[in-house]
N, C-alpha and C. Protein backbone atom coordinates (compact mmCIF):
# COMPACT_ATOMS: atom_id res chain seq x y z
N MET A 1 0.84 -1.16 0.00
CA MET A 1 0.00 0.00 0.00
C MET A 1 0.90 1.24 0.00
N PRO A 2 0.73 2.14 -1.03
CA PRO A 2 1.59 3.33 -1.08
C PRO A 2 1.24 4.30 0.04
N VAL A 3 2.25 5.01 0.49
CA VAL A 3 2.06 6.01 1.55
C VAL A 3 1.85 7.36 0.90
N ARG A 4 0.75 8.04 1.26
CA ARG A 4 0.45 9.37 0.73
C ARG A 4 1.13 10.42 1.58
N PRO A 5 1.87 11.36 0.96
CA PRO A 5 2.40 12.44 1.78
C PRO A 5 1.24 13.31 2.27
N VAL A 6 1.29 13.68 3.52
CA VAL A 6 0.22 14.50 4.06
C VAL A 6 0.79 15.73 4.76
N TRP A 7 -0.04 16.68 4.83
CA TRP A 7 0.31 17.92 5.53
C TRP A 7 -0.75 18.06 6.60
N GLY A 8 -0.41 17.72 7.82
CA GLY A 8 -1.41 17.65 8.88
C GLY A 8 -2.38 16.55 8.53
N ARG A 9 -3.66 16.85 8.45
CA ARG A 9 -4.66 15.85 8.08
C ARG A 9 -5.04 15.97 6.60
N PHE A 10 -4.44 16.92 5.90
CA PHE A 10 -4.80 17.16 4.51
C PHE A 10 -3.66 16.75 3.60
N SER A 11 -3.99 16.39 2.39
CA SER A 11 -2.96 16.02 1.41
C SER A 11 -2.38 17.29 0.80
N VAL A 12 -1.27 17.14 0.11
CA VAL A 12 -0.64 18.26 -0.59
C VAL A 12 -1.60 18.80 -1.65
N ALA A 13 -2.33 17.92 -2.31
CA ALA A 13 -3.30 18.35 -3.32
C ALA A 13 -4.39 19.21 -2.69
N ASP A 14 -4.84 18.84 -1.49
CA ASP A 14 -5.84 19.65 -0.79
C ASP A 14 -5.29 21.04 -0.50
N ALA A 15 -4.05 21.10 -0.09
CA ALA A 15 -3.42 22.39 0.20
C ALA A 15 -3.32 23.25 -1.05
N ARG A 16 -2.98 22.62 -2.19
CA ARG A 16 -2.90 23.36 -3.45
C ARG A 16 -4.26 23.92 -3.84
N ARG A 17 -5.30 23.10 -3.72
CA ARG A 17 -6.65 23.57 -4.06
C ARG A 17 -7.06 24.74 -3.16
N ALA A 18 -6.74 24.65 -1.89
CA ALA A 18 -7.07 25.73 -0.96
C ALA A 18 -6.33 27.00 -1.32
N LEU A 19 -5.07 26.89 -1.70
CA LEU A 19 -4.27 28.05 -2.07
C LEU A 19 -4.82 28.71 -3.34
N VAL A 20 -5.21 27.91 -4.32
CA VAL A 20 -5.79 28.44 -5.55
C VAL A 20 -7.11 29.15 -5.24
N ALA A 21 -7.94 28.56 -4.40
CA ALA A 21 -9.21 29.19 -4.03
C ALA A 21 -8.99 30.50 -3.29
N LEU A 22 -8.01 30.55 -2.41
CA LEU A 22 -7.69 31.77 -1.68
C LEU A 22 -7.21 32.85 -2.63
N ALA A 23 -6.33 32.50 -3.57
CA ALA A 23 -5.82 33.48 -4.53
C ALA A 23 -6.96 34.01 -5.41
N PHE A 24 -7.85 33.13 -5.84
CA PHE A 24 -8.98 33.54 -6.66
C PHE A 24 -9.89 34.49 -5.88
N GLY A 25 -10.18 34.14 -4.63
CA GLY A 25 -11.03 34.99 -3.80
C GLY A 25 -10.43 36.36 -3.58
N ALA A 26 -9.13 36.42 -3.34
CA ALA A 26 -8.45 37.70 -3.13
C ALA A 26 -8.50 38.55 -4.39
N SER A 27 -8.34 37.92 -5.56
CA SER A 27 -8.39 38.68 -6.80
C SER A 27 -9.80 39.21 -7.06
N MET A 28 -10.82 38.46 -6.70
CA MET A 28 -12.20 38.92 -6.88
C MET A 28 -12.50 40.11 -5.97
N VAL A 29 -12.00 40.08 -4.75
CA VAL A 29 -12.18 41.21 -3.83
C VAL A 29 -11.48 42.43 -4.39
N ALA A 30 -10.26 42.27 -4.89
CA ALA A 30 -9.52 43.40 -5.46
C ALA A 30 -10.25 43.98 -6.66
N CYS A 31 -10.81 43.14 -7.51
CA CYS A 31 -11.55 43.62 -8.67
C CYS A 31 -12.80 44.37 -8.24
N ALA A 32 -13.49 43.86 -7.25
CA ALA A 32 -14.71 44.52 -6.78
C ALA A 32 -14.39 45.88 -6.21
N CYS A 33 -13.27 46.01 -5.49
CA CYS A 33 -12.88 47.30 -4.94
C CYS A 33 -12.55 48.28 -6.05
N ALA A 34 -11.83 47.83 -7.06
CA ALA A 34 -11.45 48.71 -8.16
C ALA A 34 -12.68 49.23 -8.88
N ASP A 35 -13.69 48.38 -9.07
CA ASP A 35 -14.88 48.79 -9.79
C ASP A 35 -15.71 49.80 -9.00
N SER A 36 -15.57 49.86 -7.69
CA SER A 36 -16.40 50.74 -6.91
C SER A 36 -16.05 52.21 -7.10
N TYR A 37 -14.82 52.52 -7.54
CA TYR A 37 -14.48 53.92 -7.74
C TYR A 37 -13.98 54.22 -9.14
N GLY A 38 -13.77 53.22 -9.97
CA GLY A 38 -13.37 53.43 -11.36
C GLY A 38 -11.89 53.73 -11.49
N GLU A 39 -11.48 53.91 -12.73
CA GLU A 39 -10.07 54.21 -13.01
C GLU A 39 -9.84 55.71 -12.87
N PHE A 40 -8.80 56.08 -12.14
CA PHE A 40 -8.53 57.50 -11.95
C PHE A 40 -7.86 58.06 -13.19
N PRO A 41 -8.41 59.11 -13.76
CA PRO A 41 -7.84 59.66 -14.99
C PRO A 41 -6.76 60.70 -14.70
N ALA A 42 -5.53 60.35 -14.95
CA ALA A 42 -4.45 61.32 -14.81
C ALA A 42 -4.56 62.33 -15.94
N ASP A 43 -3.88 63.42 -15.80
CA ASP A 43 -3.83 64.47 -16.83
C ASP A 43 -5.22 65.05 -17.12
N LYS A 44 -6.00 65.26 -16.07
CA LYS A 44 -7.33 65.84 -16.21
C LYS A 44 -7.45 67.05 -15.27
N THR A 45 -8.37 67.94 -15.64
CA THR A 45 -8.68 69.11 -14.82
C THR A 45 -10.17 69.07 -14.49
N TYR A 46 -10.50 69.43 -13.26
CA TYR A 46 -11.88 69.39 -12.78
C TYR A 46 -12.23 70.72 -12.12
N SER A 47 -13.49 71.13 -12.26
CA SER A 47 -14.01 72.31 -11.58
C SER A 47 -15.22 71.91 -10.76
N SER A 48 -15.33 72.49 -9.57
CA SER A 48 -16.46 72.15 -8.69
C SER A 48 -17.76 72.64 -9.30
N VAL A 49 -18.79 71.82 -9.16
CA VAL A 49 -20.11 72.19 -9.66
C VAL A 49 -21.17 72.13 -8.56
N ASP A 50 -20.87 71.44 -7.47
CA ASP A 50 -21.83 71.31 -6.38
C ASP A 50 -21.11 70.86 -5.12
N ALA A 51 -21.61 71.30 -3.99
CA ALA A 51 -21.07 70.87 -2.70
C ALA A 51 -22.23 70.71 -1.72
N PRO A 52 -23.05 69.67 -1.94
CA PRO A 52 -24.21 69.48 -1.07
C PRO A 52 -23.78 69.18 0.36
N ASP A 53 -24.40 69.85 1.31
CA ASP A 53 -24.10 69.65 2.73
C ASP A 53 -22.62 69.80 3.03
N SER A 54 -21.99 70.78 2.41
CA SER A 54 -20.55 70.96 2.55
C SER A 54 -20.23 72.44 2.60
N TYR A 55 -18.98 72.74 2.47
CA TYR A 55 -18.50 74.13 2.43
C TYR A 55 -19.13 74.85 1.25
N THR A 56 -19.60 76.05 1.45
CA THR A 56 -20.16 76.85 0.37
C THR A 56 -19.08 77.80 -0.13
N PRO A 57 -18.65 77.64 -1.40
CA PRO A 57 -17.60 78.52 -1.92
C PRO A 57 -18.01 79.99 -1.92
N VAL A 58 -17.03 80.85 -1.83
CA VAL A 58 -17.25 82.29 -1.90
C VAL A 58 -17.89 82.57 -3.26
N GLY A 59 -18.87 83.47 -3.28
CA GLY A 59 -19.57 83.81 -4.52
C GLY A 59 -18.62 84.13 -5.65
N GLY A 60 -18.90 83.58 -6.83
CA GLY A 60 -18.08 83.85 -8.01
C GLY A 60 -16.82 83.00 -8.12
N THR A 61 -16.62 82.06 -7.19
CA THR A 61 -15.42 81.21 -7.24
C THR A 61 -15.82 79.74 -7.40
N THR A 62 -14.89 78.98 -7.89
CA THR A 62 -15.04 77.53 -7.95
C THR A 62 -13.73 76.91 -7.50
N VAL A 63 -13.79 75.68 -7.08
CA VAL A 63 -12.59 74.93 -6.74
C VAL A 63 -12.15 74.22 -8.01
N ARG A 64 -10.88 74.36 -8.34
CA ARG A 64 -10.33 73.74 -9.55
C ARG A 64 -9.21 72.80 -9.15
N LEU A 65 -9.27 71.55 -9.64
CA LEU A 65 -8.24 70.56 -9.37
C LEU A 65 -7.63 70.11 -10.69
N GLU A 66 -6.31 69.94 -10.68
CA GLU A 66 -5.62 69.42 -11.86
C GLU A 66 -4.69 68.30 -11.42
N PHE A 67 -4.77 67.18 -12.12
CA PHE A 67 -3.94 66.01 -11.83
C PHE A 67 -3.04 65.75 -13.02
N VAL A 68 -1.73 65.73 -12.79
CA VAL A 68 -0.76 65.41 -13.82
C VAL A 68 0.23 64.43 -13.20
N ASP A 69 0.26 63.22 -13.77
CA ASP A 69 1.10 62.14 -13.24
C ASP A 69 0.76 61.93 -11.77
N ASP A 70 1.74 62.10 -10.87
CA ASP A 70 1.48 61.92 -9.44
C ASP A 70 1.44 63.26 -8.71
N ARG A 71 1.07 64.32 -9.42
CA ARG A 71 1.01 65.66 -8.84
C ARG A 71 -0.41 66.19 -8.87
N ILE A 72 -0.73 67.00 -7.87
CA ILE A 72 -2.02 67.68 -7.82
C ILE A 72 -1.76 69.17 -7.70
N SER A 73 -2.57 69.96 -8.36
CA SER A 73 -2.59 71.40 -8.10
C SER A 73 -4.06 71.77 -7.93
N ALA A 74 -4.29 72.75 -7.07
CA ALA A 74 -5.66 73.13 -6.74
C ALA A 74 -5.73 74.63 -6.55
N GLU A 75 -6.86 75.20 -6.94
CA GLU A 75 -7.11 76.62 -6.74
C GLU A 75 -8.54 76.79 -6.24
N ALA A 76 -8.72 77.75 -5.34
CA ALA A 76 -10.06 78.02 -4.82
C ALA A 76 -10.35 79.51 -4.80
N GLY A 77 -9.66 80.28 -5.65
CA GLY A 77 -9.96 81.69 -5.73
C GLY A 77 -8.84 82.61 -5.31
N CYS A 78 -7.81 82.10 -4.66
CA CYS A 78 -6.71 82.95 -4.22
C CYS A 78 -5.37 82.30 -4.56
N ASN A 79 -4.87 81.46 -3.69
CA ASN A 79 -3.56 80.85 -3.88
C ASN A 79 -3.66 79.52 -4.62
N ARG A 80 -2.54 79.14 -5.21
CA ARG A 80 -2.44 77.84 -5.88
C ARG A 80 -1.80 76.85 -4.90
N LEU A 81 -2.45 75.72 -4.70
CA LEU A 81 -1.93 74.66 -3.84
C LEU A 81 -1.33 73.59 -4.75
N PHE A 82 -0.29 72.92 -4.28
CA PHE A 82 0.36 71.92 -5.11
C PHE A 82 1.06 70.89 -4.23
N GLY A 83 1.19 69.66 -4.76
CA GLY A 83 1.87 68.61 -4.02
C GLY A 83 1.81 67.29 -4.75
N THR A 84 2.32 66.27 -4.11
CA THR A 84 2.30 64.92 -4.64
C THR A 84 1.03 64.22 -4.16
N VAL A 85 0.42 63.44 -5.04
CA VAL A 85 -0.85 62.79 -4.71
C VAL A 85 -0.79 61.31 -5.03
N ASP A 86 -1.47 60.52 -4.23
CA ASP A 86 -1.65 59.09 -4.49
C ASP A 86 -3.16 58.88 -4.59
N THR A 87 -3.60 58.34 -5.71
CA THR A 87 -5.04 58.15 -5.93
C THR A 87 -5.44 56.68 -5.85
N SER A 88 -4.55 55.83 -5.36
CA SER A 88 -4.86 54.41 -5.29
C SER A 88 -5.86 54.13 -4.17
N GLN A 89 -6.47 52.99 -4.26
CA GLN A 89 -7.42 52.52 -3.26
C GLN A 89 -8.62 53.45 -3.09
N GLY A 90 -8.93 54.24 -4.13
CA GLY A 90 -10.13 55.06 -4.09
C GLY A 90 -10.05 56.27 -3.19
N ARG A 91 -8.85 56.70 -2.85
CA ARG A 91 -8.67 57.89 -1.99
C ARG A 91 -7.70 58.87 -2.64
N ILE A 92 -7.92 60.14 -2.37
CA ILE A 92 -6.96 61.17 -2.72
C ILE A 92 -6.08 61.33 -1.48
N THR A 93 -4.84 60.90 -1.58
CA THR A 93 -3.94 60.98 -0.42
C THR A 93 -2.83 61.97 -0.73
N VAL A 94 -2.81 63.06 0.03
CA VAL A 94 -1.81 64.11 -0.12
C VAL A 94 -1.15 64.28 1.24
N ASP A 95 0.16 64.08 1.30
CA ASP A 95 0.84 64.21 2.59
C ASP A 95 0.89 65.67 3.04
N SER A 96 1.29 66.55 2.14
CA SER A 96 1.32 67.98 2.46
C SER A 96 1.19 68.76 1.17
N LEU A 97 0.69 69.96 1.29
CA LEU A 97 0.51 70.82 0.13
C LEU A 97 1.35 72.07 0.29
N GLY A 98 2.04 72.45 -0.77
CA GLY A 98 2.70 73.75 -0.82
C GLY A 98 1.69 74.76 -1.32
N SER A 99 2.04 76.03 -1.22
CA SER A 99 1.10 77.06 -1.63
C SER A 99 1.84 78.31 -2.04
N THR A 100 1.25 79.03 -3.01
CA THR A 100 1.74 80.38 -3.26
C THR A 100 1.33 81.22 -2.05
N ARG A 101 1.84 82.42 -1.92
CA ARG A 101 1.58 83.24 -0.73
C ARG A 101 1.01 84.61 -1.08
N MET A 102 -0.03 84.62 -1.89
CA MET A 102 -0.66 85.89 -2.24
C MET A 102 -1.59 86.32 -1.11
N ALA A 103 -1.63 87.61 -0.90
CA ALA A 103 -2.58 88.15 0.09
C ALA A 103 -3.90 88.40 -0.63
N CYS A 104 -4.97 87.89 -0.05
CA CYS A 104 -6.29 88.01 -0.65
C CYS A 104 -7.28 88.40 0.45
N PRO A 105 -8.51 88.75 0.08
CA PRO A 105 -9.52 89.01 1.11
C PRO A 105 -9.65 87.79 2.03
N GLU A 106 -9.99 88.03 3.28
CA GLU A 106 -10.04 86.98 4.29
C GLU A 106 -10.95 85.81 3.89
N ALA A 107 -12.06 86.09 3.22
CA ALA A 107 -12.96 85.01 2.82
C ALA A 107 -12.26 84.04 1.86
N LEU A 108 -11.44 84.55 0.96
CA LEU A 108 -10.71 83.68 0.03
C LEU A 108 -9.58 82.95 0.74
N MET A 109 -8.95 83.59 1.71
CA MET A 109 -7.89 82.93 2.48
C MET A 109 -8.51 81.77 3.29
N GLU A 110 -9.69 81.98 3.85
CA GLU A 110 -10.38 80.92 4.59
C GLU A 110 -10.75 79.77 3.65
N GLN A 111 -11.15 80.11 2.44
CA GLN A 111 -11.49 79.08 1.45
C GLN A 111 -10.25 78.24 1.11
N ASP A 112 -9.09 78.88 1.00
CA ASP A 112 -7.84 78.14 0.77
C ASP A 112 -7.55 77.19 1.93
N ARG A 113 -7.76 77.67 3.16
CA ARG A 113 -7.53 76.82 4.34
C ARG A 113 -8.48 75.62 4.35
N TRP A 114 -9.76 75.88 4.00
CA TRP A 114 -10.72 74.78 3.92
C TRP A 114 -10.28 73.76 2.88
N LEU A 115 -9.88 74.23 1.69
CA LEU A 115 -9.49 73.31 0.62
C LEU A 115 -8.26 72.49 1.02
N THR A 116 -7.30 73.11 1.68
CA THR A 116 -6.12 72.38 2.16
C THR A 116 -6.54 71.28 3.13
N ALA A 117 -7.39 71.63 4.08
CA ALA A 117 -7.85 70.64 5.07
C ALA A 117 -8.64 69.52 4.39
N PHE A 118 -9.49 69.88 3.43
CA PHE A 118 -10.31 68.88 2.74
C PHE A 118 -9.42 67.91 1.95
N LEU A 119 -8.48 68.43 1.18
CA LEU A 119 -7.63 67.57 0.35
C LEU A 119 -6.69 66.70 1.18
N THR A 120 -6.27 67.19 2.34
CA THR A 120 -5.37 66.39 3.19
C THR A 120 -6.14 65.45 4.12
N SER A 121 -7.47 65.42 4.02
CA SER A 121 -8.29 64.51 4.84
C SER A 121 -8.46 63.14 4.17
N ALA A 122 -7.76 62.89 3.07
CA ALA A 122 -7.84 61.63 2.32
C ALA A 122 -9.27 61.30 1.89
N PRO A 123 -9.91 62.23 1.16
CA PRO A 123 -11.29 61.94 0.74
C PRO A 123 -11.34 60.79 -0.26
N ARG A 124 -12.44 60.05 -0.21
CA ARG A 124 -12.69 59.00 -1.21
C ARG A 124 -13.09 59.69 -2.51
N TRP A 125 -12.72 59.09 -3.62
CA TRP A 125 -13.13 59.63 -4.90
C TRP A 125 -13.89 58.57 -5.69
N SER A 126 -14.80 59.04 -6.53
CA SER A 126 -15.49 58.18 -7.47
C SER A 126 -15.74 58.99 -8.74
N ARG A 127 -15.79 58.28 -9.85
CA ARG A 127 -16.00 58.93 -11.15
C ARG A 127 -17.15 58.27 -11.87
N ASN A 128 -17.91 59.11 -12.61
CA ASN A 128 -18.99 58.58 -13.42
C ASN A 128 -19.38 59.61 -14.46
N ASP A 129 -19.30 59.23 -15.73
CA ASP A 129 -19.77 60.09 -16.84
C ASP A 129 -19.24 61.52 -16.77
N GLY A 130 -17.94 61.70 -16.63
CA GLY A 130 -17.35 63.04 -16.66
C GLY A 130 -17.42 63.81 -15.37
N THR A 131 -17.96 63.20 -14.32
CA THR A 131 -17.95 63.86 -13.02
C THR A 131 -17.10 63.07 -12.04
N MET A 132 -16.58 63.76 -11.06
CA MET A 132 -15.82 63.13 -9.99
C MET A 132 -16.37 63.67 -8.67
N VAL A 133 -16.57 62.79 -7.72
CA VAL A 133 -17.06 63.17 -6.39
C VAL A 133 -15.95 62.88 -5.39
N LEU A 134 -15.64 63.86 -4.54
CA LEU A 134 -14.73 63.67 -3.42
C LEU A 134 -15.56 63.75 -2.14
N ASP A 135 -15.37 62.79 -1.26
CA ASP A 135 -16.18 62.70 -0.04
C ASP A 135 -15.30 62.22 1.10
N ASN A 136 -15.19 63.03 2.15
CA ASN A 136 -14.36 62.63 3.29
C ASN A 136 -15.19 62.15 4.48
N GLY A 137 -16.46 61.90 4.26
CA GLY A 137 -17.32 61.41 5.31
C GLY A 137 -18.16 62.51 5.94
N SER A 138 -17.66 63.73 5.93
CA SER A 138 -18.44 64.84 6.48
C SER A 138 -18.71 65.92 5.43
N GLU A 139 -17.92 65.93 4.38
CA GLU A 139 -18.10 66.90 3.29
C GLU A 139 -17.99 66.18 1.95
N ARG A 140 -18.76 66.69 0.99
CA ARG A 140 -18.81 66.07 -0.34
C ARG A 140 -18.80 67.18 -1.38
N VAL A 141 -17.90 67.05 -2.36
CA VAL A 141 -17.82 68.03 -3.45
C VAL A 141 -17.89 67.29 -4.77
N VAL A 142 -18.72 67.80 -5.68
CA VAL A 142 -18.89 67.23 -7.00
C VAL A 142 -18.14 68.11 -8.00
N PHE A 143 -17.34 67.46 -8.86
CA PHE A 143 -16.54 68.15 -9.87
C PHE A 143 -16.92 67.66 -11.25
N ALA A 144 -16.74 68.53 -12.26
CA ALA A 144 -16.93 68.15 -13.64
C ALA A 144 -15.60 68.31 -14.37
N GLU A 145 -15.35 67.39 -15.32
CA GLU A 145 -14.15 67.52 -16.15
C GLU A 145 -14.27 68.79 -16.96
N THR A 146 -13.16 69.52 -17.09
CA THR A 146 -13.18 70.73 -17.90
C THR A 146 -12.20 70.62 -19.04
């Protein structure tokens, strides 16, 4: 009677089947996560069109975001913000933002501070039909490709 190699109470073949099933399951989870926010389009510019239940921009201004490679630049009516961005895993992750230092009316300076805080809060992003939504759990801004 031949002796079967075993691994604990399971055969090597059982272990291989379990490993294949685990790898397949992990890939399905990864695919499902990717589909929930879509592919992030580099080299695009967006302008805010709505901010329901969020910060209300100063009259006559919009928030503008531009993504080029792994860089982000943003404007909200006064200074230009810029930095390195990671858009993986459905989040906008910015470690720190640099800024120009123009003096503007206080309302626009406050808007710059809000935008800095919002972008550094790692908001989730999603895209659909030319729009992008950023949502950090307490604030949500809708952007359109320009």
